[in-house]
Amino acid sequence: MNGRRINGAADLTLGDYHRLLSKPERWKALNLDVDRVEFLKHLEDVREIRNSVMHFSPEGLSEVDLQTLNDAARFFDYLVQMGAI
């Protein structure tokens, strides 16, 4: 990806994950019992907030961003609890 050496999942960015999982054939290969569009929406929301904080807005999170992250965390936690991922 972009000429970088990728040795494993830890080397991928949130954007890399989003690009990889946006392809229906790759998503299908994972055999996850999760709505791909909903999963990618949460992943993209988290990526945008992360990038904003790390690159453009070092003063912190807004209440809206914090709520978005909490919603995404609850969504991902629910998926794990349900055995979907």
PDB file of N, CA and C in Angstrom:
ATOM      1  N   MET A   1       0.836  -1.162   0.000  1.00  0.00           N
ATOM      2  CA  MET A   1       0.000   0.000   0.000  1.00  0.00           C
ATOM      3  C   MET A   1       0.891   1.239   0.000  1.00  0.00           C
ATOM      4  N   ASN A   2       0.783   2.011  -1.030  1.00  0.00           N
ATOM      5  CA  ASN A   2       1.545   3.250  -1.168  1.00  0.00           C
ATOM      6  C   ASN A   2       3.051   3.031  -1.051  1.00  0.00           C
ATOM      7  N   GLY A   3       3.543   1.876  -1.476  1.00  0.00           N
ATOM      8  CA  GLY A   3       4.960   1.591  -1.445  1.00  0.00           C
ATOM      9  C   GLY A   3       5.507   1.220  -0.079  1.00  0.00           C
ATOM     10  N   ARG A   4       4.660   1.131   0.929  1.00  0.00           N
ATOM     11  CA  ARG A   4       5.104   0.749   2.261  1.00  0.00           C
ATOM     12  C   ARG A   4       5.220  -0.764   2.342  1.00  0.00           C
ATOM     13  N   ARG A   5       6.086  -1.205   3.208  1.00  0.00           N
ATOM     14  CA  ARG A   5       6.200  -2.642   3.480  1.00  0.00           C
ATOM     15  C   ARG A   5       5.169  -3.007   4.536  1.00  0.00           C
ATOM     16  N   ILE A   6       4.316  -3.956   4.204  1.00  0.00           N
ATOM     17  CA  ILE A   6       3.278  -4.431   5.112  1.00  0.00           C
ATOM     18  C   ILE A   6       3.641  -5.857   5.523  1.00  0.00           C
ATOM     19  N   ASN A   7       3.925  -6.037   6.802  1.00  0.00           N
ATOM     20  CA  ASN A   7       4.270  -7.362   7.312  1.00  0.00           C
ATOM     21  C   ASN A   7       3.112  -8.033   8.034  1.00  0.00           C
ATOM     22  N   GLY A   8       2.105  -7.262   8.362  1.00  0.00           N
ATOM     23  CA  GLY A   8       0.963  -7.822   9.067  1.00  0.00           C
ATOM     24  C   GLY A   8      -0.092  -6.769   9.308  1.00  0.00           C
ATOM     25  N   ALA A   9      -1.174  -7.177   9.962  1.00  0.00           N
ATOM     26  CA  ALA A   9      -2.305  -6.285  10.204  1.00  0.00           C
ATOM     27  C   ALA A   9      -1.901  -5.037  10.994  1.00  0.00           C
ATOM     28  N   ALA A  10      -0.923  -5.154  11.869  1.00  0.00           N
ATOM     29  CA  ALA A  10      -0.503  -4.014  12.691  1.00  0.00           C
ATOM     30  C   ALA A  10       0.116  -2.901  11.853  1.00  0.00           C
ATOM     31  N   ASP A  11       0.543  -3.213  10.637  1.00  0.00           N
ATOM     32  CA  ASP A  11       1.153  -2.211   9.765  1.00  0.00           C
ATOM     33  C   ASP A  11       0.119  -1.420   8.963  1.00  0.00           C
ATOM     34  N   LEU A  12      -1.146  -1.801   9.051  1.00  0.00           N
ATOM     35  CA  LEU A  12      -2.199  -1.139   8.283  1.00  0.00           C
ATOM     36  C   LEU A  12      -2.777   0.040   9.053  1.00  0.00           C
ATOM     37  N   THR A  13      -3.133   1.081   8.312  1.00  0.00           N
ATOM     38  CA  THR A  13      -3.816   2.225   8.903  1.00  0.00           C
ATOM     39  C   THR A  13      -5.324   1.979   8.844  1.00  0.00           C
ATOM     40  N   LEU A  14      -6.082   2.820   9.525  1.00  0.00           N
ATOM     41  CA  LEU A  14      -7.538   2.717   9.435  1.00  0.00           C
ATOM     42  C   LEU A  14      -8.003   2.917   7.995  1.00  0.00           C
ATOM     43  N   GLY A  15      -7.342   3.811   7.280  1.00  0.00           N
ATOM     44  CA  GLY A  15      -7.668   4.022   5.867  1.00  0.00           C
ATOM     45  C   GLY A  15      -7.376   2.788   5.024  1.00  0.00           C
ATOM     46  N   ASP A  16      -6.269   2.104   5.330  1.00  0.00           N
ATOM     47  CA  ASP A  16      -5.945   0.856   4.622  1.00  0.00           C
ATOM     48  C   ASP A  16      -7.038  -0.182   4.843  1.00  0.00           C
ATOM     49  N   TYR A  17      -7.462  -0.319   6.102  1.00  0.00           N
ATOM     50  CA  TYR A  17      -8.531  -1.277   6.405  1.00  0.00           C
ATOM     51  C   TYR A  17      -9.802  -0.919   5.640  1.00  0.00           C
ATOM     52  N   HIS A  18     -10.123   0.352   5.618  1.00  0.00           N
ATOM     53  CA  HIS A  18     -11.339   0.789   4.924  1.00  0.00           C
ATOM     54  C   HIS A  18     -11.245   0.464   3.434  1.00  0.00           C
ATOM     55  N   ARG A  19     -10.118   0.777   2.814  1.00  0.00           N
ATOM     56  CA  ARG A  19      -9.947   0.483   1.371  1.00  0.00           C
ATOM     57  C   ARG A  19     -10.026  -1.013   1.106  1.00  0.00           C
ATOM     58  N   LEU A  20      -9.381  -1.808   1.934  1.00  0.00           N
ATOM     59  CA  LEU A  20      -9.402  -3.261   1.730  1.00  0.00           C
ATOM     60  C   LEU A  20     -10.806  -3.831   1.893  1.00  0.00           C
ATOM     61  N   LEU A  21     -11.492  -3.408   2.936  1.00  0.00           N
ATOM     62  CA  LEU A  21     -12.803  -3.985   3.236  1.00  0.00           C
ATOM     63  C   LEU A  21     -13.929  -3.377   2.421  1.00  0.00           C
ATOM     64  N   SER A  22     -13.649  -2.318   1.688  1.00  0.00           N
ATOM     65  CA  SER A  22     -14.657  -1.726   0.804  1.00  0.00           C
ATOM     66  C   SER A  22     -14.948  -2.610  -0.398  1.00  0.00           C
ATOM     67  N   LYS A  23     -14.014  -3.452  -0.731  1.00  0.00           N
ATOM     68  CA  LYS A  23     -14.197  -4.365  -1.864  1.00  0.00           C
ATOM     69  C   LYS A  23     -15.087  -5.528  -1.425  1.00  0.00           C
ATOM     70  N   PRO A  24     -16.271  -5.668  -2.036  1.00  0.00           N
ATOM     71  CA  PRO A  24     -17.204  -6.729  -1.618  1.00  0.00           C
ATOM     72  C   PRO A  24     -16.594  -8.129  -1.611  1.00  0.00           C
ATOM     73  N   GLU A  25     -15.718  -8.422  -2.565  1.00  0.00           N
ATOM     74  CA  GLU A  25     -15.128  -9.765  -2.609  1.00  0.00           C
ATOM     75  C   GLU A  25     -14.205 -10.028  -1.424  1.00  0.00           C
ATOM     76  N   ARG A  26     -13.510  -8.992  -0.959  1.00  0.00           N
ATOM     77  CA  ARG A  26     -12.651  -9.157   0.223  1.00  0.00           C
ATOM     78  C   ARG A  26     -13.503  -9.302   1.480  1.00  0.00           C
ATOM     79  N   TRP A  27     -14.553  -8.496   1.566  1.00  0.00           N
ATOM     80  CA  TRP A  27     -15.448  -8.591   2.716  1.00  0.00           C
ATOM     81  C   TRP A  27     -16.063  -9.979   2.794  1.00  0.00           C
ATOM     82  N   LYS A  28     -16.512 -10.474   1.657  1.00  0.00           N
ATOM     83  CA  LYS A  28     -17.144 -11.797   1.617  1.00  0.00           C
ATOM     84  C   LYS A  28     -16.169 -12.881   2.070  1.00  0.00           C
ATOM     85  N   ALA A  29     -14.903 -12.749   1.702  1.00  0.00           N
ATOM     86  CA  ALA A  29     -13.892 -13.746   2.076  1.00  0.00           C
ATOM     87  C   ALA A  29     -13.695 -13.822   3.587  1.00  0.00           C
ATOM     88  N   LEU A  30     -13.994 -12.740   4.299  1.00  0.00           N
ATOM     89  CA  LEU A  30     -13.853 -12.742   5.756  1.00  0.00           C
ATOM     90  C   LEU A  30     -14.957 -13.539   6.441  1.00  0.00           C
ATOM     91  N   ASN A  31     -16.066 -13.708   5.746  1.00  0.00           N
ATOM     92  CA  ASN A  31     -17.197 -14.476   6.272  1.00  0.00           C
ATOM     93  C   ASN A  31     -17.682 -13.926   7.622  1.00  0.00           C
ATOM     94  N   LEU A  32     -17.782 -12.607   7.695  1.00  0.00           N
ATOM     95  CA  LEU A  32     -18.271 -11.955   8.908  1.00  0.00           C
ATOM     96  C   LEU A  32     -19.778 -11.787   8.827  1.00  0.00           C
ATOM     97  N   ASP A  33     -20.435 -12.008   9.925  1.00  0.00           N
ATOM     98  CA  ASP A  33     -21.882 -11.847  10.000  1.00  0.00           C
ATOM     99  C   ASP A  33     -22.203 -10.418  10.439  1.00  0.00           C
ATOM    100  N   VAL A  34     -21.785  -9.455   9.600  1.00  0.00           N
ATOM    101  CA  VAL A  34     -21.903  -8.038   9.903  1.00  0.00           C
ATOM    102  C   VAL A  34     -22.257  -7.302   8.618  1.00  0.00           C
ATOM    103  N   ASP A  35     -23.072  -6.262   8.738  1.00  0.00           N
ATOM    104  CA  ASP A  35     -23.376  -5.425   7.587  1.00  0.00           C
ATOM    105  C   ASP A  35     -22.125  -4.635   7.207  1.00  0.00           C
ATOM    106  N   ARG A  36     -21.637  -4.851   6.008  1.00  0.00           N
ATOM    107  CA  ARG A  36     -20.397  -4.221   5.546  1.00  0.00           C
ATOM    108  C   ARG A  36     -20.517  -2.701   5.535  1.00  0.00           C
ATOM    109  N   VAL A  37     -21.619  -2.172   5.035  1.00  0.00           N
ATOM    110  CA  VAL A  37     -21.789  -0.726   4.926  1.00  0.00           C
ATOM    111  C   VAL A  37     -21.771  -0.071   6.309  1.00  0.00           C
ATOM    112  N   GLU A  38     -22.474  -0.665   7.258  1.00  0.00           N
ATOM    113  CA  GLU A  38     -22.505  -0.119   8.619  1.00  0.00           C
ATOM    114  C   GLU A  38     -21.121  -0.196   9.270  1.00  0.00           C
ATOM    115  N   PHE A  39     -20.434  -1.308   9.103  1.00  0.00           N
ATOM    116  CA  PHE A  39     -19.090  -1.480   9.651  1.00  0.00           C
ATOM    117  C   PHE A  39     -18.149  -0.416   9.082  1.00  0.00           C
ATOM    118  N   LEU A  40     -18.194  -0.241   7.752  1.00  0.00           N
ATOM    119  CA  LEU A  40     -17.308   0.726   7.105  1.00  0.00           C
ATOM    120  C   LEU A  40     -17.641   2.157   7.497  1.00  0.00           C
ATOM    121  N   LYS A  41     -18.912   2.444   7.750  1.00  0.00           N
ATOM    122  CA  LYS A  41     -19.296   3.784   8.186  1.00  0.00           C
ATOM    123  C   LYS A  41     -18.636   4.100   9.531  1.00  0.00           C
ATOM    124  N   HIS A  42     -18.731   3.182  10.459  1.00  0.00           N
ATOM    125  CA  HIS A  42     -18.111   3.408  11.769  1.00  0.00           C
ATOM    126  C   HIS A  42     -16.592   3.516  11.640  1.00  0.00           C
ATOM    127  N   LEU A  43     -16.005   2.669  10.840  1.00  0.00           N
ATOM    128  CA  LEU A  43     -14.554   2.711  10.642  1.00  0.00           C
ATOM    129  C   LEU A  43     -14.126   4.055  10.049  1.00  0.00           C
ATOM    130  N   GLU A  44     -14.869   4.548   9.076  1.00  0.00           N
ATOM    131  CA  GLU A  44     -14.552   5.838   8.457  1.00  0.00           C
ATOM    132  C   GLU A  44     -14.730   6.984   9.451  1.00  0.00           C
ATOM    133  N   ASP A  45     -15.775   6.941  10.258  1.00  0.00           N
ATOM    134  CA  ASP A  45     -15.973   7.981  11.278  1.00  0.00           C
ATOM    135  C   ASP A  45     -14.785   8.034  12.232  1.00  0.00           C
ATOM    136  N   VAL A  46     -14.343   6.877  12.695  1.00  0.00           N
ATOM    137  CA  VAL A  46     -13.207   6.811  13.613  1.00  0.00           C
ATOM    138  C   VAL A  46     -11.935   7.314  12.927  1.00  0.00           C
ATOM    139  N   ARG A  47     -11.735   6.922  11.676  1.00  0.00           N
ATOM    140  CA  ARG A  47     -10.552   7.361  10.927  1.00  0.00           C
ATOM    141  C   ARG A  47     -10.513   8.880  10.790  1.00  0.00           C
ATOM    142  N   GLU A  48     -11.642   9.472  10.449  1.00  0.00           N
ATOM    143  CA  GLU A  48     -11.690  10.931  10.275  1.00  0.00           C
ATOM    144  C   GLU A  48     -11.388  11.659  11.581  1.00  0.00           C
ATOM    145  N   ILE A  49     -11.948  11.187  12.672  1.00  0.00           N
ATOM    146  CA  ILE A  49     -11.690  11.819  13.968  1.00  0.00           C
ATOM    147  C   ILE A  49     -10.230  11.653  14.358  1.00  0.00           C
ATOM    148  N   ARG A  50      -9.694  10.463  14.180  1.00  0.00           N
ATOM    149  CA  ARG A  50      -8.290  10.207  14.501  1.00  0.00           C
ATOM    150  C   ARG A  50      -7.383  11.146  13.715  1.00  0.00           C
ATOM    151  N   ASN A  51      -7.636  11.266  12.419  1.00  0.00           N
ATOM    152  CA  ASN A  51      -6.799  12.124  11.582  1.00  0.00           C
ATOM    153  C   ASN A  51      -6.937  13.595  11.975  1.00  0.00           C
ATOM    154  N   SER A  52      -8.140  14.017  12.311  1.00  0.00           N
ATOM    155  CA  SER A  52      -8.355  15.395  12.721  1.00  0.00           C
ATOM    156  C   SER A  52      -7.556  15.713  13.978  1.00  0.00           C
ATOM    157  N   VAL A  53      -7.620  14.831  14.943  1.00  0.00           N
ATOM    158  CA  VAL A  53      -6.917  15.056  16.206  1.00  0.00           C
ATOM    159  C   VAL A  53      -5.404  15.000  16.008  1.00  0.00           C
ATOM    160  N   MET A  54      -4.941  14.022  15.285  1.00  0.00           N
ATOM    161  CA  MET A  54      -3.492  13.812  15.149  1.00  0.00           C
ATOM    162  C   MET A  54      -2.816  14.807  14.211  1.00  0.00           C
ATOM    163  N   HIS A  55      -3.547  15.321  13.233  1.00  0.00           N
ATOM    164  CA  HIS A  55      -2.897  16.149  12.221  1.00  0.00           C
ATOM    165  C   HIS A  55      -3.346  17.603  12.195  1.00  0.00           C
ATOM    166  N   PHE A  56      -4.546  17.884  12.648  1.00  0.00           N
ATOM    167  CA  PHE A  56      -5.044  19.233  12.461  1.00  0.00           C
ATOM    168  C   PHE A  56      -5.616  19.881  13.719  1.00  0.00           C
ATOM    169  N   SER A  57      -5.990  19.104  14.689  1.00  0.00           N
ATOM    170  CA  SER A  57      -6.698  19.651  15.838  1.00  0.00           C
ATOM    171  C   SER A  57      -6.157  19.062  17.141  1.00  0.00           C
ATOM    172  N   PRO A  58      -4.958  19.443  17.530  1.00  0.00           N
ATOM    173  CA  PRO A  58      -4.351  18.847  18.723  1.00  0.00           C
ATOM    174  C   PRO A  58      -5.033  19.250  20.033  1.00  0.00           C
ATOM    175  N   GLU A  59      -5.982  20.177  19.989  1.00  0.00           N
ATOM    176  CA  GLU A  59      -6.616  20.603  21.238  1.00  0.00           C
ATOM    177  C   GLU A  59      -7.607  19.605  21.806  1.00  0.00           C
ATOM    178  N   GLY A  60      -7.960  18.581  21.072  1.00  0.00           N
ATOM    179  CA  GLY A  60      -8.824  17.555  21.635  1.00  0.00           C
ATOM    180  C   GLY A  60     -10.083  17.300  20.841  1.00  0.00           C
ATOM    181  N   LEU A  61     -10.966  16.552  21.467  1.00  0.00           N
ATOM    182  CA  LEU A  61     -12.187  16.114  20.811  1.00  0.00           C
ATOM    183  C   LEU A  61     -13.367  17.008  21.164  1.00  0.00           C
ATOM    184  N   SER A  62     -14.243  17.188  20.190  1.00  0.00           N
ATOM    185  CA  SER A  62     -15.502  17.868  20.461  1.00  0.00           C
ATOM    186  C   SER A  62     -16.458  16.862  21.103  1.00  0.00           C
ATOM    187  N   GLU A  63     -17.550  17.346  21.652  1.00  0.00           N
ATOM    188  CA  GLU A  63     -18.561  16.452  22.231  1.00  0.00           C
ATOM    189  C   GLU A  63     -19.142  15.536  21.162  1.00  0.00           C
ATOM    190  N   VAL A  64     -19.331  16.054  19.955  1.00  0.00           N
ATOM    191  CA  VAL A  64     -19.868  15.247  18.848  1.00  0.00           C
ATOM    192  C   VAL A  64     -18.889  14.132  18.485  1.00  0.00           C
ATOM    193  N   ASP A  65     -17.595  14.477  18.389  1.00  0.00           N
ATOM    194  CA  ASP A  65     -16.587  13.462  18.071  1.00  0.00           C
ATOM    195  C   ASP A  65     -16.514  12.404  19.160  1.00  0.00           C
ATOM    196  N   LEU A  66     -16.564  12.830  20.400  1.00  0.00           N
ATOM    197  CA  LEU A  66     -16.511  11.884  21.514  1.00  0.00           C
ATOM    198  C   LEU A  66     -17.714  10.943  21.477  1.00  0.00           C
ATOM    199  N   GLN A  67     -18.890  11.473  21.172  1.00  0.00           N
ATOM    200  CA  GLN A  67     -20.079  10.641  21.063  1.00  0.00           C
ATOM    201  C   GLN A  67     -19.952   9.666  19.900  1.00  0.00           C
ATOM    202  N   THR A  68     -19.403  10.123  18.773  1.00  0.00           N
ATOM    203  CA  THR A  68     -19.194   9.257  17.611  1.00  0.00           C
ATOM    204  C   THR A  68     -18.261   8.107  17.959  1.00  0.00           C
ATOM    205  N   LEU A  69     -17.180   8.408  18.672  1.00  0.00           N
ATOM    206  CA  LEU A  69     -16.240   7.357  19.075  1.00  0.00           C
ATOM    207  C   LEU A  69     -16.878   6.388  20.056  1.00  0.00           C
ATOM    208  N   ASN A  70     -17.657   6.898  20.988  1.00  0.00           N
ATOM    209  CA  ASN A  70     -18.350   6.024  21.929  1.00  0.00           C
ATOM    210  C   ASN A  70     -19.349   5.121  21.202  1.00  0.00           C
ATOM    211  N   ASP A  71     -20.068   5.684  20.239  1.00  0.00           N
ATOM    212  CA  ASP A  71     -21.017   4.884  19.457  1.00  0.00           C
ATOM    213  C   ASP A  71     -20.299   3.789  18.677  1.00  0.00           C
ATOM    214  N   ALA A  72     -19.176   4.137  18.051  1.00  0.00           N
ATOM    215  CA  ALA A  72     -18.413   3.152  17.285  1.00  0.00           C
ATOM    216  C   ALA A  72     -17.870   2.062  18.206  1.00  0.00           C
ATOM    217  N   ALA A  73     -17.363   2.453  19.375  1.00  0.00           N
ATOM    218  CA  ALA A  73     -16.826   1.466  20.324  1.00  0.00           C
ATOM    219  C   ALA A  73     -17.924   0.508  20.781  1.00  0.00           C
ATOM    220  N   ARG A  74     -19.108   1.050  21.069  1.00  0.00           N
ATOM    221  CA  ARG A  74     -20.229   0.190  21.466  1.00  0.00           C
ATOM    222  C   ARG A  74     -20.629  -0.751  20.327  1.00  0.00           C
ATOM    223  N   PHE A  75     -20.640  -0.241  19.106  1.00  0.00           N
ATOM    224  CA  PHE A  75     -20.979  -1.060  17.949  1.00  0.00           C
ATOM    225  C   PHE A  75     -19.989  -2.214  17.789  1.00  0.00           C
ATOM    226  N   PHE A  76     -18.690  -1.900  17.827  1.00  0.00           N
ATOM    227  CA  PHE A  76     -17.672  -2.940  17.672  1.00  0.00           C
ATOM    228  C   PHE A  76     -17.705  -3.922  18.842  1.00  0.00           C
ATOM    229  N   ASP A  77     -17.919  -3.419  20.055  1.00  0.00           N
ATOM    230  CA  ASP A  77     -18.020  -4.294  21.223  1.00  0.00           C
ATOM    231  C   ASP A  77     -19.213  -5.235  21.081  1.00  0.00           C
ATOM    232  N   TYR A  78     -20.335  -4.717  20.618  1.00  0.00           N
ATOM    233  CA  TYR A  78     -21.521  -5.534  20.397  1.00  0.00           C
ATOM    234  C   TYR A  78     -21.235  -6.649  19.392  1.00  0.00           C
ATOM    235  N   LEU A  79     -20.532  -6.310  18.310  1.00  0.00           N
ATOM    236  CA  LEU A  79     -20.206  -7.313  17.300  1.00  0.00           C
ATOM    237  C   LEU A  79     -19.353  -8.432  17.889  1.00  0.00           C
ATOM    238  N   VAL A  80     -18.401  -8.070  18.740  1.00  0.00           N
ATOM    239  CA  VAL A  80     -17.552  -9.072  19.381  1.00  0.00           C
ATOM    240  C   VAL A  80     -18.377  -9.930  20.329  1.00  0.00           C
ATOM    241  N   GLN A  81     -19.213  -9.301  21.141  1.00  0.00           N
ATOM    242  CA  GLN A  81     -20.047 -10.050  22.094  1.00  0.00           C
ATOM    243  C   GLN A  81     -20.989 -11.018  21.391  1.00  0.00           C
ATOM    244  N   MET A  82     -21.491 -10.619  20.230  1.00  0.00           N
ATOM    245  CA  MET A  82     -22.420 -11.457  19.484  1.00  0.00           C
ATOM    246  C   MET A  82     -21.704 -12.539  18.650  1.00  0.00           C
ATOM    247  N   GLY A  83     -20.373 -12.477  18.643  1.00  0.00           N
ATOM    248  CA  GLY A  83     -19.614 -13.452  17.878  1.00  0.00           C
ATOM    249  C   GLY A  83     -19.568 -13.180  16.397  1.00  0.00           C
ATOM    250  N   ALA A  84     -19.932 -11.957  16.018  1.00  0.00           N
ATOM    251  CA  ALA A  84     -19.939 -11.611  14.602  1.00  0.00           C
ATOM    252  C   ALA A  84     -18.526 -11.387  14.069  1.00  0.00           C
ATOM    253  N   ILE A  85     -17.641 -10.930  14.944  1.00  0.00           N
ATOM    254  CA  ILE A  85     -16.238 -10.737  14.542  1.00  0.00           C
ATOM    255  C   ILE A  85     -15.338 -11.262  15.633  1.00  0.00           C
TER     256      ILE A  85
END
